[in-house]
Amino acid sequence: IMRLFYSVLVASLAFAGVAFAAGPNENLFGNTVVITSATGVTKAMVNADNTYETHLADGSVVKGTWAADGANTCYTQTEPAPAAEMKPFCTPNEARAVGDKWEAKGPDGSAVKFELVAGN
């Protein structure tokens, strides 16, 4: 349960404010979102085939799919199989470019830092 909760947290923080629709945001494909928090460094990769992969700080990997509807992008965990009550996480689309850095607050109020870096 904790691992599933953590993977949802990472996905929500990793992708918050990042658009994955084709077009001006294609630069996210083949690049990495590096997430630094109190629990360590997590790396998330988004693929043009509507999949994503998140490498958690503890070495585990979470995989899933994403879908953009214009205003939002929603992420659905597929591996490991999520708990029955786990719903897709949706976030508003907002463009980011390689080299961008930004911060957000985690669910516990702690600072989380993000950076979009070139390559996987």
C-alpha atoms as a PDB file:
ATOM      1  CA  ILE A   1       0.000   0.000   0.000  1.00  0.00           C
ATOM      2  CA  MET A   2       2.758   2.469   0.905  1.00  0.00           C
ATOM      3  CA  ARG A   3       4.589   1.774  -2.363  1.00  0.00           C
ATOM      4  CA  LEU A   4       1.390   2.399  -4.340  1.00  0.00           C
ATOM      5  CA  PHE A   5       0.717   5.595  -2.394  1.00  0.00           C
ATOM      6  CA  TYR A   6       4.287   6.728  -3.013  1.00  0.00           C
ATOM      7  CA  SER A   7       4.084   5.966  -6.738  1.00  0.00           C
ATOM      8  CA  VAL A   8       0.902   8.045  -7.025  1.00  0.00           C
ATOM      9  CA  LEU A   9       2.618  10.842  -5.138  1.00  0.00           C
ATOM     10  CA  VAL A  10       5.654  10.689  -7.420  1.00  0.00           C
ATOM     11  CA  ALA A  11       3.542  10.606 -10.567  1.00  0.00           C
ATOM     12  CA  SER A  12       1.475  13.540  -9.407  1.00  0.00           C
ATOM     13  CA  LEU A  13       4.504  15.590  -8.482  1.00  0.00           C
ATOM     14  CA  ALA A  14       6.610  14.550 -11.441  1.00  0.00           C
ATOM     15  CA  PHE A  15       4.061  15.481 -13.983  1.00  0.00           C
ATOM     16  CA  ALA A  16       2.271  18.377 -12.306  1.00  0.00           C
ATOM     17  CA  GLY A  17       2.238  21.261 -14.704  1.00  0.00           C
ATOM     18  CA  VAL A  18       3.821  19.369 -17.579  1.00  0.00           C
ATOM     19  CA  ALA A  19       1.913  18.865 -20.818  1.00  0.00           C
ATOM     20  CA  PHE A  20       2.424  15.663 -22.762  1.00  0.00           C
ATOM     21  CA  ALA A  21       0.347  16.359 -25.837  1.00  0.00           C
ATOM     22  CA  ALA A  22       2.086  16.327 -29.202  1.00  0.00           C
ATOM     23  CA  GLY A  23       2.980  19.683 -30.721  1.00  0.00           C
ATOM     24  CA  PRO A  24       4.921  22.315 -28.828  1.00  0.00           C
ATOM     25  CA  ASN A  25       5.554  19.906 -25.936  1.00  0.00           C
ATOM     26  CA  GLU A  26       7.138  17.101 -27.942  1.00  0.00           C
ATOM     27  CA  ASN A  27      10.487  18.039 -26.368  1.00  0.00           C
ATOM     28  CA  LEU A  28       9.430  16.068 -23.271  1.00  0.00           C
ATOM     29  CA  PHE A  29       9.633  12.799 -25.194  1.00  0.00           C
ATOM     30  CA  GLY A  30      13.043  11.208 -24.791  1.00  0.00           C
ATOM     31  CA  ASN A  31      13.910  13.473 -21.857  1.00  0.00           C
ATOM     32  CA  THR A  32      13.750  13.046 -18.087  1.00  0.00           C
ATOM     33  CA  VAL A  33      11.928  14.865 -15.301  1.00  0.00           C
ATOM     34  CA  VAL A  34      14.256  14.743 -12.284  1.00  0.00           C
ATOM     35  CA  ILE A  35      12.365  15.096  -8.995  1.00  0.00           C
ATOM     36  CA  THR A  36      14.283  15.873  -5.818  1.00  0.00           C
ATOM     37  CA  SER A  37      12.501  15.620  -2.480  1.00  0.00           C
ATOM     38  CA  ALA A  38      13.257  14.713   1.113  1.00  0.00           C
ATOM     39  CA  THR A  39      12.952  11.029   0.138  1.00  0.00           C
ATOM     40  CA  GLY A  40      15.622  11.253  -2.570  1.00  0.00           C
ATOM     41  CA  VAL A  41      15.848  11.613  -6.337  1.00  0.00           C
ATOM     42  CA  THR A  42      13.214  10.155  -8.654  1.00  0.00           C
ATOM     43  CA  LYS A  43      13.385  10.130 -12.451  1.00  0.00           C
ATOM     44  CA  ALA A  44      10.348  10.077 -14.726  1.00  0.00           C
ATOM     45  CA  MET A  45      10.352   9.497 -18.478  1.00  0.00           C
ATOM     46  CA  VAL A  46       7.396  10.173 -20.764  1.00  0.00           C
ATOM     47  CA  ASN A  47       7.184   8.422 -24.111  1.00  0.00           C
ATOM     48  CA  ALA A  48       5.497   9.468 -27.343  1.00  0.00           C
ATOM     49  CA  ASP A  49       3.606   6.137 -27.374  1.00  0.00           C
ATOM     50  CA  ASN A  50       1.475   7.328 -24.422  1.00  0.00           C
ATOM     51  CA  THR A  51       3.445   5.446 -21.767  1.00  0.00           C
ATOM     52  CA  TYR A  52       5.543   6.637 -18.844  1.00  0.00           C
ATOM     53  CA  GLU A  53       8.112   5.082 -16.526  1.00  0.00           C
ATOM     54  CA  THR A  54       9.111   6.386 -13.110  1.00  0.00           C
ATOM     55  CA  HIS A  55      12.264   5.208 -11.330  1.00  0.00           C
ATOM     56  CA  LEU A  56      11.687   5.783  -7.611  1.00  0.00           C
ATOM     57  CA  ALA A  57      14.423   6.705  -5.159  1.00  0.00           C
ATOM     58  CA  ASP A  58      14.264   3.205  -3.635  1.00  0.00           C
ATOM     59  CA  GLY A  59      15.139   1.630  -7.000  1.00  0.00           C
ATOM     60  CA  SER A  60      11.658   0.389  -7.834  1.00  0.00           C
ATOM     61  CA  VAL A  61       9.994   1.213 -11.147  1.00  0.00           C
ATOM     62  CA  VAL A  62       6.397   2.281 -11.765  1.00  0.00           C
ATOM     63  CA  LYS A  63       4.941   2.186 -15.287  1.00  0.00           C
ATOM     64  CA  GLY A  64       1.734   3.432 -16.781  1.00  0.00           C
ATOM     65  CA  THR A  65      -0.043   5.226 -19.565  1.00  0.00           C
ATOM     66  CA  TRP A  66      -0.990   8.858 -20.134  1.00  0.00           C
ATOM     67  CA  ALA A  67      -3.701  10.551 -22.194  1.00  0.00           C
ATOM     68  CA  ALA A  68      -4.157  14.246 -22.977  1.00  0.00           C
ATOM     69  CA  ASP A  69      -7.612  15.727 -23.543  1.00  0.00           C
ATOM     70  CA  GLY A  70      -6.542  19.276 -24.441  1.00  0.00           C
ATOM     71  CA  ALA A  71      -6.730  20.982 -21.056  1.00  0.00           C
ATOM     72  CA  ASN A  72      -5.468  18.091 -18.925  1.00  0.00           C
ATOM     73  CA  THR A  73      -3.234  15.064 -19.013  1.00  0.00           C
ATOM     74  CA  CYS A  74      -4.203  12.000 -16.982  1.00  0.00           C
ATOM     75  CA  TYR A  75      -1.834   9.261 -15.826  1.00  0.00           C
ATOM     76  CA  THR A  76      -2.879   5.696 -15.081  1.00  0.00           C
ATOM     77  CA  GLN A  77      -0.494   3.330 -13.302  1.00  0.00           C
ATOM     78  CA  THR A  78      -0.360  -0.150 -14.859  1.00  0.00           C
ATOM     79  CA  GLU A  79       2.738  -1.751 -13.240  1.00  0.00           C
ATOM     80  CA  PRO A  80       2.818  -2.779 -10.523  1.00  0.00           C
ATOM     81  CA  ALA A  81      -0.924  -3.316 -10.588  1.00  0.00           C
ATOM     82  CA  PRO A  82      -2.475  -0.466  -8.604  1.00  0.00           C
ATOM     83  CA  ALA A  83      -4.832  -0.873  -5.678  1.00  0.00           C
ATOM     84  CA  ALA A  84      -8.487  -1.072  -6.702  1.00  0.00           C
ATOM     85  CA  GLU A  85      -9.237   2.349  -5.203  1.00  0.00           C
ATOM     86  CA  MET A  86      -6.396   4.065  -7.088  1.00  0.00           C
ATOM     87  CA  LYS A  87      -7.771   6.389  -9.754  1.00  0.00           C
ATOM     88  CA  PRO A  88      -5.922   8.086 -12.640  1.00  0.00           C
ATOM     89  CA  PHE A  89      -4.182  11.317 -11.677  1.00  0.00           C
ATOM     90  CA  CYS A  90      -5.023  14.319 -13.876  1.00  0.00           C
ATOM     91  CA  THR A  91      -3.171  17.626 -14.055  1.00  0.00           C
ATOM     92  CA  PRO A  92      -3.606  20.761 -16.188  1.00  0.00           C
ATOM     93  CA  ASN A  93      -1.310  20.972 -19.207  1.00  0.00           C
ATOM     94  CA  GLU A  94       1.486  23.501 -18.952  1.00  0.00           C
ATOM     95  CA  ALA A  95       4.484  23.564 -21.284  1.00  0.00           C
ATOM     96  CA  ARG A  96       8.019  22.958 -20.006  1.00  0.00           C
ATOM     97  CA  ALA A  97      11.291  22.993 -21.936  1.00  0.00           C
ATOM     98  CA  VAL A  98      14.599  21.174 -21.434  1.00  0.00           C
ATOM     99  CA  GLY A  99      16.509  23.087 -18.773  1.00  0.00           C
ATOM    100  CA  ASP A 100      13.383  24.336 -16.973  1.00  0.00           C
ATOM    101  CA  LYS A 101      13.438  24.084 -13.187  1.00  0.00           C
ATOM    102  CA  TRP A 102      10.439  24.556 -10.924  1.00  0.00           C
ATOM    103  CA  GLU A 103       9.236  23.801  -7.419  1.00  0.00           C
ATOM    104  CA  ALA A 104       6.020  22.525  -5.911  1.00  0.00           C
ATOM    105  CA  LYS A 105       4.871  21.425  -2.497  1.00  0.00           C
ATOM    106  CA  GLY A 106       4.403  17.763  -1.710  1.00  0.00           C
ATOM    107  CA  PRO A 107       1.277  16.496   0.047  1.00  0.00           C
ATOM    108  CA  ASP A 108       3.043  16.958   3.382  1.00  0.00           C
ATOM    109  CA  GLY A 109       3.913  20.590   2.550  1.00  0.00           C
ATOM    110  CA  SER A 110       7.597  19.906   1.948  1.00  0.00           C
ATOM    111  CA  ALA A 111       9.405  21.440  -1.033  1.00  0.00           C
ATOM    112  CA  VAL A 112       9.880  19.300  -4.115  1.00  0.00           C
ATOM    113  CA  LYS A 113      12.214  20.400  -6.924  1.00  0.00           C
ATOM    114  CA  PHE A 114      11.828  19.460 -10.580  1.00  0.00           C
ATOM    115  CA  GLU A 115      14.101  19.773 -13.581  1.00  0.00           C
ATOM    116  CA  LEU A 116      13.552  18.714 -17.188  1.00  0.00           C
ATOM    117  CA  VAL A 117      16.867  17.354 -18.468  1.00  0.00           C
ATOM    118  CA  ALA A 118      17.871  16.150 -21.920  1.00  0.00           C
ATOM    119  CA  GLY A 119      17.954  12.396 -22.521  1.00  0.00           C
ATOM    120  CA  ASN A 120      16.807   9.404 -20.509  1.00  0.00           C
END
